[in-house]
């Protein structure tokens, strides 16, 4: 059994990851901005706490004693470049102070290369109205890649998008960026927990799709 801390626990992705972690017998700390709004997260092995993924001191304090961390956060009201950069920097620093050496971050398909090697966000016909959000995620990825850190991180994202209403298959596979690719939150959570239970990929960004 491991202790896992999940930042951004209140979102669909965070909730699916917590559910899978508990199913595997792990103890989970669920970090949200306002615990009073997420009391339903409480279950055997889950502790709900307030925290800010851009606050180094809070991350170090909350993460102490854990074996791995998940960052599944986003702030749609913030400056995207500033938020994702600050979150990546604070997470690496805070986890280092807490001696937590494994981080799985939930990323964005838009930054994956497609089968021809072109970033998905730059392919013909790809939606551009959210480009500032894509570039914010890219700024956070740049921090991860350029920071010298003992934290063993990996970024996982859907290869295309989440299937919000689909039926989980119980399987997944790695895939390049593909706007038509889909995966349920439950199946995506399998990949996240596999990378915590048995770290296989290191300091890279991978696309995940249903198998």
C-alpha atoms as a PDB file:
ATOM      1  CA  UNK A   1       0.000   0.000   0.000  1.00  0.00           C
ATOM      2  CA  UNK A   2       1.268   3.470  -0.894  1.00  0.00           C
ATOM      3  CA  UNK A   3       0.291   6.951   0.228  1.00  0.00           C
ATOM      4  CA  UNK A   4      -0.660   9.159  -2.711  1.00  0.00           C
ATOM      5  CA  UNK A   5      -1.455  12.864  -2.681  1.00  0.00           C
ATOM      6  CA  UNK A   6      -3.729  14.159  -5.455  1.00  0.00           C
ATOM      7  CA  UNK A   7      -3.797  17.877  -6.251  1.00  0.00           C
ATOM      8  CA  UNK A   8      -6.936  18.875  -8.141  1.00  0.00           C
ATOM      9  CA  UNK A   9      -8.895  16.053  -6.537  1.00  0.00           C
ATOM     10  CA  UNK A  10     -12.299  17.640  -7.130  1.00  0.00           C
ATOM     11  CA  UNK A  11     -12.305  17.394 -10.929  1.00  0.00           C
ATOM     12  CA  UNK A  12     -13.415  14.419 -12.999  1.00  0.00           C
ATOM     13  CA  UNK A  13      -9.869  13.289 -13.601  1.00  0.00           C
ATOM     14  CA  UNK A  14      -8.850  13.662  -9.986  1.00  0.00           C
ATOM     15  CA  UNK A  15     -11.921  11.788  -8.777  1.00  0.00           C
ATOM     16  CA  UNK A  16     -11.313   8.886 -11.150  1.00  0.00           C
ATOM     17  CA  UNK A  17      -7.684   8.682 -10.046  1.00  0.00           C
ATOM     18  CA  UNK A  18      -8.707   8.644  -6.379  1.00  0.00           C
ATOM     19  CA  UNK A  19     -11.300   5.938  -7.025  1.00  0.00           C
ATOM     20  CA  UNK A  20      -8.714   3.723  -8.735  1.00  0.00           C
ATOM     21  CA  UNK A  21      -6.128   4.373  -6.028  1.00  0.00           C
ATOM     22  CA  UNK A  22      -8.575   3.376  -3.291  1.00  0.00           C
ATOM     23  CA  UNK A  23      -9.613   0.303  -5.287  1.00  0.00           C
ATOM     24  CA  UNK A  24      -5.959  -0.771  -5.279  1.00  0.00           C
ATOM     25  CA  UNK A  25      -5.727  -0.325  -1.532  1.00  0.00           C
ATOM     26  CA  UNK A  26      -3.741   2.924  -1.422  1.00  0.00           C
ATOM     27  CA  UNK A  27      -4.211   5.689   1.127  1.00  0.00           C
ATOM     28  CA  UNK A  28      -5.049   9.004  -0.545  1.00  0.00           C
ATOM     29  CA  UNK A  29      -4.815  12.647   0.438  1.00  0.00           C
ATOM     30  CA  UNK A  30      -7.240  14.640  -1.735  1.00  0.00           C
ATOM     31  CA  UNK A  31      -6.190  18.273  -2.081  1.00  0.00           C
ATOM     32  CA  UNK A  32      -8.895  20.782  -3.049  1.00  0.00           C
ATOM     33  CA  UNK A  33      -9.387  24.520  -2.589  1.00  0.00           C
ATOM     34  CA  UNK A  34     -12.470  24.168  -0.387  1.00  0.00           C
ATOM     35  CA  UNK A  35     -12.943  20.805   1.370  1.00  0.00           C
ATOM     36  CA  UNK A  36     -16.516  21.740   2.369  1.00  0.00           C
ATOM     37  CA  UNK A  37     -17.515  21.480  -1.299  1.00  0.00           C
ATOM     38  CA  UNK A  38     -16.056  18.006  -1.747  1.00  0.00           C
ATOM     39  CA  UNK A  39     -17.162  16.046   1.310  1.00  0.00           C
ATOM     40  CA  UNK A  40     -18.357  13.268  -1.010  1.00  0.00           C
ATOM     41  CA  UNK A  41     -14.725  12.392  -1.722  1.00  0.00           C
ATOM     42  CA  UNK A  42     -14.313  11.011   1.764  1.00  0.00           C
ATOM     43  CA  UNK A  43     -14.099   7.230   1.863  1.00  0.00           C
ATOM     44  CA  UNK A  44     -11.874   4.585   3.373  1.00  0.00           C
ATOM     45  CA  UNK A  45      -8.311   5.710   2.948  1.00  0.00           C
ATOM     46  CA  UNK A  46      -9.124   9.236   1.683  1.00  0.00           C
ATOM     47  CA  UNK A  47      -8.347  12.389   3.648  1.00  0.00           C
ATOM     48  CA  UNK A  48      -9.606  15.709   2.229  1.00  0.00           C
ATOM     49  CA  UNK A  49      -7.440  18.788   2.833  1.00  0.00           C
ATOM     50  CA  UNK A  50      -7.271  22.382   1.592  1.00  0.00           C
ATOM     51  CA  UNK A  51      -4.276  23.323  -0.508  1.00  0.00           C
ATOM     52  CA  UNK A  52      -2.906  25.434  -3.348  1.00  0.00           C
ATOM     53  CA  UNK A  53      -0.760  23.813  -6.020  1.00  0.00           C
ATOM     54  CA  UNK A  54       1.187  27.066  -6.492  1.00  0.00           C
ATOM     55  CA  UNK A  55       2.145  27.277  -2.792  1.00  0.00           C
ATOM     56  CA  UNK A  56       5.516  25.604  -2.243  1.00  0.00           C
ATOM     57  CA  UNK A  57       5.255  25.580   1.544  1.00  0.00           C
ATOM     58  CA  UNK A  58       1.775  24.030   1.470  1.00  0.00           C
ATOM     59  CA  UNK A  59       2.859  21.361  -0.998  1.00  0.00           C
ATOM     60  CA  UNK A  60       5.897  20.447   1.098  1.00  0.00           C
ATOM     61  CA  UNK A  61       3.809  20.257   4.271  1.00  0.00           C
ATOM     62  CA  UNK A  62       0.908  18.279   2.784  1.00  0.00           C
ATOM     63  CA  UNK A  63       3.061  15.897   0.740  1.00  0.00           C
ATOM     64  CA  UNK A  64       5.379  14.876   3.566  1.00  0.00           C
ATOM     65  CA  UNK A  65       5.129  11.154   4.216  1.00  0.00           C
ATOM     66  CA  UNK A  66       3.618  10.318   0.807  1.00  0.00           C
ATOM     67  CA  UNK A  67       5.123   8.009  -1.783  1.00  0.00           C
ATOM     68  CA  UNK A  68       3.816   9.709  -4.925  1.00  0.00           C
ATOM     69  CA  UNK A  69       1.887  12.750  -6.105  1.00  0.00           C
ATOM     70  CA  UNK A  70      -0.596  13.491  -8.884  1.00  0.00           C
ATOM     71  CA  UNK A  71      -1.172  16.969 -10.288  1.00  0.00           C
ATOM     72  CA  UNK A  72      -4.551  17.205 -12.005  1.00  0.00           C
ATOM     73  CA  UNK A  73      -5.116  20.927 -11.522  1.00  0.00           C
ATOM     74  CA  UNK A  74      -6.236  23.793 -13.726  1.00  0.00           C
ATOM     75  CA  UNK A  75      -7.397  27.329 -12.988  1.00  0.00           C
ATOM     76  CA  UNK A  76      -9.606  28.594 -15.783  1.00  0.00           C
ATOM     77  CA  UNK A  77      -9.733  32.080 -14.264  1.00  0.00           C
ATOM     78  CA  UNK A  78      -5.984  32.584 -14.020  1.00  0.00           C
ATOM     79  CA  UNK A  79      -3.369  33.731 -16.490  1.00  0.00           C
ATOM     80  CA  UNK A  80      -2.624  30.323 -17.999  1.00  0.00           C
ATOM     81  CA  UNK A  81       1.109  30.797 -18.535  1.00  0.00           C
ATOM     82  CA  UNK A  82       1.570  32.080 -14.994  1.00  0.00           C
ATOM     83  CA  UNK A  83      -0.589  29.401 -13.372  1.00  0.00           C
ATOM     84  CA  UNK A  84       0.833  26.317 -15.093  1.00  0.00           C
ATOM     85  CA  UNK A  85       4.426  27.554 -14.773  1.00  0.00           C
ATOM     86  CA  UNK A  86       3.972  28.391 -11.101  1.00  0.00           C
ATOM     87  CA  UNK A  87       2.221  25.082 -10.406  1.00  0.00           C
ATOM     88  CA  UNK A  88       4.979  23.055 -12.067  1.00  0.00           C
ATOM     89  CA  UNK A  89       7.724  24.971 -10.295  1.00  0.00           C
ATOM     90  CA  UNK A  90       6.036  24.813  -6.892  1.00  0.00           C
ATOM     91  CA  UNK A  91       5.206  21.126  -7.259  1.00  0.00           C
ATOM     92  CA  UNK A  92       8.768  20.139  -8.076  1.00  0.00           C
ATOM     93  CA  UNK A  93      10.156  22.280  -5.257  1.00  0.00           C
ATOM     94  CA  UNK A  94       7.551  21.208  -2.700  1.00  0.00           C
ATOM     95  CA  UNK A  95       7.847  17.513  -3.493  1.00  0.00           C
ATOM     96  CA  UNK A  96      11.633  17.733  -3.309  1.00  0.00           C
ATOM     97  CA  UNK A  97      11.378  19.251   0.170  1.00  0.00           C
ATOM     98  CA  UNK A  98       8.911  16.529   1.182  1.00  0.00           C
ATOM     99  CA  UNK A  99      11.157  13.774  -0.250  1.00  0.00           C
ATOM    100  CA  UNK A 100       8.404  12.566  -2.615  1.00  0.00           C
ATOM    101  CA  UNK A 101      10.161  11.264  -5.693  1.00  0.00           C
ATOM    102  CA  UNK A 102       7.336  10.340  -8.109  1.00  0.00           C
ATOM    103  CA  UNK A 103       4.980  12.810  -9.811  1.00  0.00           C
ATOM    104  CA  UNK A 104       2.339  12.050 -12.423  1.00  0.00           C
ATOM    105  CA  UNK A 105       0.892  15.169 -14.041  1.00  0.00           C
ATOM    106  CA  UNK A 106      -2.296  15.154 -16.116  1.00  0.00           C
ATOM    107  CA  UNK A 107      -1.436  16.968 -19.318  1.00  0.00           C
ATOM    108  CA  UNK A 108      -3.059  18.095 -22.536  1.00  0.00           C
ATOM    109  CA  UNK A 109      -3.376  16.219 -25.828  1.00  0.00           C
ATOM    110  CA  UNK A 110      -2.807  19.439 -27.755  1.00  0.00           C
ATOM    111  CA  UNK A 111       0.913  19.275 -26.891  1.00  0.00           C
ATOM    112  CA  UNK A 112       1.408  15.717 -28.128  1.00  0.00           C
ATOM    113  CA  UNK A 113       2.956  15.110 -31.520  1.00  0.00           C
ATOM    114  CA  UNK A 114       0.735  13.323 -33.999  1.00  0.00           C
ATOM    115  CA  UNK A 115       1.959  10.310 -35.988  1.00  0.00           C
ATOM    116  CA  UNK A 116       3.825  12.608 -38.380  1.00  0.00           C
ATOM    117  CA  UNK A 117       5.623  14.473 -35.593  1.00  0.00           C
ATOM    118  CA  UNK A 118       3.549  17.676 -35.625  1.00  0.00           C
ATOM    119  CA  UNK A 119       2.127  19.009 -32.346  1.00  0.00           C
ATOM    120  CA  UNK A 120      -1.598  18.311 -32.360  1.00  0.00           C
ATOM    121  CA  UNK A 121      -2.418  21.973 -31.722  1.00  0.00           C
ATOM    122  CA  UNK A 122      -0.618  22.907 -34.959  1.00  0.00           C
ATOM    123  CA  UNK A 123      -2.384  20.399 -37.213  1.00  0.00           C
ATOM    124  CA  UNK A 124      -4.921  21.598 -39.805  1.00  0.00           C
ATOM    125  CA  UNK A 125      -8.435  22.013 -38.450  1.00  0.00           C
ATOM    126  CA  UNK A 126      -7.476  21.712 -34.791  1.00  0.00           C
ATOM    127  CA  UNK A 127      -9.548  24.125 -32.630  1.00  0.00           C
ATOM    128  CA  UNK A 128      -7.643  27.325 -31.945  1.00  0.00           C
ATOM    129  CA  UNK A 129     -10.062  29.181 -29.666  1.00  0.00           C
ATOM    130  CA  UNK A 130      -8.339  27.611 -26.647  1.00  0.00           C
ATOM    131  CA  UNK A 131      -4.793  28.158 -27.845  1.00  0.00           C
ATOM    132  CA  UNK A 132      -3.882  30.336 -24.870  1.00  0.00           C
ATOM    133  CA  UNK A 133      -4.811  27.372 -22.651  1.00  0.00           C
ATOM    134  CA  UNK A 134      -2.656  25.046 -24.748  1.00  0.00           C
ATOM    135  CA  UNK A 135       0.282  27.430 -24.499  1.00  0.00           C
ATOM    136  CA  UNK A 136      -0.193  27.732 -20.748  1.00  0.00           C
ATOM    137  CA  UNK A 137       0.133  23.965 -20.428  1.00  0.00           C
ATOM    138  CA  UNK A 138       3.187  24.167 -22.670  1.00  0.00           C
ATOM    139  CA  UNK A 139       4.771  26.708 -20.320  1.00  0.00           C
ATOM    140  CA  UNK A 140       4.263  24.289 -17.427  1.00  0.00           C
ATOM    141  CA  UNK A 141       5.772  21.450 -19.442  1.00  0.00           C
ATOM    142  CA  UNK A 142       8.784  23.634 -20.182  1.00  0.00           C
ATOM    143  CA  UNK A 143       9.374  24.099 -16.459  1.00  0.00           C
ATOM    144  CA  UNK A 144       9.279  20.332 -15.914  1.00  0.00           C
ATOM    145  CA  UNK A 145      11.718  19.688 -18.748  1.00  0.00           C
ATOM    146  CA  UNK A 146      14.167  22.460 -17.909  1.00  0.00           C
ATOM    147  CA  UNK A 147      14.305  22.067 -14.118  1.00  0.00           C
ATOM    148  CA  UNK A 148      17.043  19.959 -12.614  1.00  0.00           C
ATOM    149  CA  UNK A 149      15.138  17.954 -10.024  1.00  0.00           C
ATOM    150  CA  UNK A 150      15.303  14.637  -8.175  1.00  0.00           C
ATOM    151  CA  UNK A 151      11.550  14.235  -8.738  1.00  0.00           C
ATOM    152  CA  UNK A 152      10.853  11.508 -11.278  1.00  0.00           C
ATOM    153  CA  UNK A 153       7.969  13.008 -13.245  1.00  0.00           C
ATOM    154  CA  UNK A 154       5.849  11.866 -16.147  1.00  0.00           C
ATOM    155  CA  UNK A 155       3.027  13.685 -17.936  1.00  0.00           C
ATOM    156  CA  UNK A 156       0.064  11.625 -19.150  1.00  0.00           C
ATOM    157  CA  UNK A 157      -2.754  12.982 -21.269  1.00  0.00           C
ATOM    158  CA  UNK A 158      -5.543  11.605 -23.396  1.00  0.00           C
ATOM    159  CA  UNK A 159      -4.198  11.090 -26.911  1.00  0.00           C
ATOM    160  CA  UNK A 160      -7.179  13.116 -28.125  1.00  0.00           C
ATOM    161  CA  UNK A 161      -9.807  13.855 -25.476  1.00  0.00           C
ATOM    162  CA  UNK A 162     -11.736  12.305 -22.631  1.00  0.00           C
ATOM    163  CA  UNK A 163     -14.817  10.232 -23.441  1.00  0.00           C
ATOM    164  CA  UNK A 164     -17.137  11.824 -20.900  1.00  0.00           C
ATOM    165  CA  UNK A 165     -20.025   9.383 -21.285  1.00  0.00           C
ATOM    166  CA  UNK A 166     -18.406   6.215 -22.600  1.00  0.00           C
ATOM    167  CA  UNK A 167     -18.156   2.821 -20.959  1.00  0.00           C
ATOM    168  CA  UNK A 168     -14.723   1.946 -19.504  1.00  0.00           C
ATOM    169  CA  UNK A 169     -12.959  -0.941 -21.245  1.00  0.00           C
ATOM    170  CA  UNK A 170     -10.551  -1.736 -18.416  1.00  0.00           C
ATOM    171  CA  UNK A 171      -7.673  -1.362 -20.891  1.00  0.00           C
ATOM    172  CA  UNK A 172      -5.555   1.396 -22.400  1.00  0.00           C
ATOM    173  CA  UNK A 173      -2.567   1.830 -24.679  1.00  0.00           C
ATOM    174  CA  UNK A 174       0.011   4.480 -25.509  1.00  0.00           C
ATOM    175  CA  UNK A 175      -0.731   6.516 -28.624  1.00  0.00           C
ATOM    176  CA  UNK A 176       0.471   9.623 -30.489  1.00  0.00           C
ATOM    177  CA  UNK A 177      -1.700  12.713 -30.600  1.00  0.00           C
ATOM    178  CA  UNK A 178      -4.925  12.081 -32.526  1.00  0.00           C
ATOM    179  CA  UNK A 179      -7.874  14.462 -32.379  1.00  0.00           C
ATOM    180  CA  UNK A 180     -10.290  11.550 -32.849  1.00  0.00           C
ATOM    181  CA  UNK A 181      -8.863   9.422 -30.022  1.00  0.00           C
ATOM    182  CA  UNK A 182     -10.886   8.987 -26.836  1.00  0.00           C
ATOM    183  CA  UNK A 183     -10.520   7.409 -23.397  1.00  0.00           C
ATOM    184  CA  UNK A 184     -12.792   7.351 -20.352  1.00  0.00           C
ATOM    185  CA  UNK A 185     -11.646   8.871 -17.092  1.00  0.00           C
ATOM    186  CA  UNK A 186     -11.710   5.434 -15.457  1.00  0.00           C
ATOM    187  CA  UNK A 187      -9.415   3.905 -18.072  1.00  0.00           C
ATOM    188  CA  UNK A 188      -7.126   6.920 -17.948  1.00  0.00           C
ATOM    189  CA  UNK A 189      -6.864   6.472 -14.187  1.00  0.00           C
ATOM    190  CA  UNK A 190      -5.527   2.958 -14.777  1.00  0.00           C
ATOM    191  CA  UNK A 191      -2.551   4.441 -16.621  1.00  0.00           C
ATOM    192  CA  UNK A 192      -1.915   6.992 -13.889  1.00  0.00           C
ATOM    193  CA  UNK A 193      -1.925   4.381 -11.123  1.00  0.00           C
ATOM    194  CA  UNK A 194       0.197   1.977 -13.154  1.00  0.00           C
ATOM    195  CA  UNK A 195       2.844   4.710 -13.450  1.00  0.00           C
ATOM    196  CA  UNK A 196       2.715   5.124  -9.676  1.00  0.00           C
ATOM    197  CA  UNK A 197       2.688   1.442  -8.768  1.00  0.00           C
ATOM    198  CA  UNK A 198       5.337   0.495 -11.327  1.00  0.00           C
ATOM    199  CA  UNK A 199       7.087   3.573 -12.748  1.00  0.00           C
ATOM    200  CA  UNK A 200       7.958   2.775 -16.337  1.00  0.00           C
ATOM    201  CA  UNK A 201       8.263   6.117 -18.125  1.00  0.00           C
ATOM    202  CA  UNK A 202      10.390   8.989 -16.946  1.00  0.00           C
ATOM    203  CA  UNK A 203      10.477  12.722 -17.670  1.00  0.00           C
ATOM    204  CA  UNK A 204       8.368  12.493 -20.799  1.00  0.00           C
ATOM    205  CA  UNK A 205       4.841  13.218 -22.065  1.00  0.00           C
ATOM    206  CA  UNK A 206       2.715  10.281 -23.218  1.00  0.00           C
ATOM    207  CA  UNK A 207      -0.683   9.995 -24.880  1.00  0.00           C
ATOM    208  CA  UNK A 208      -3.177   7.427 -23.574  1.00  0.00           C
ATOM    209  CA  UNK A 209      -6.189   6.011 -25.428  1.00  0.00           C
ATOM    210  CA  UNK A 210      -8.702   3.197 -24.988  1.00  0.00           C
ATOM    211  CA  UNK A 211      -7.554  -0.233 -26.152  1.00  0.00           C
END
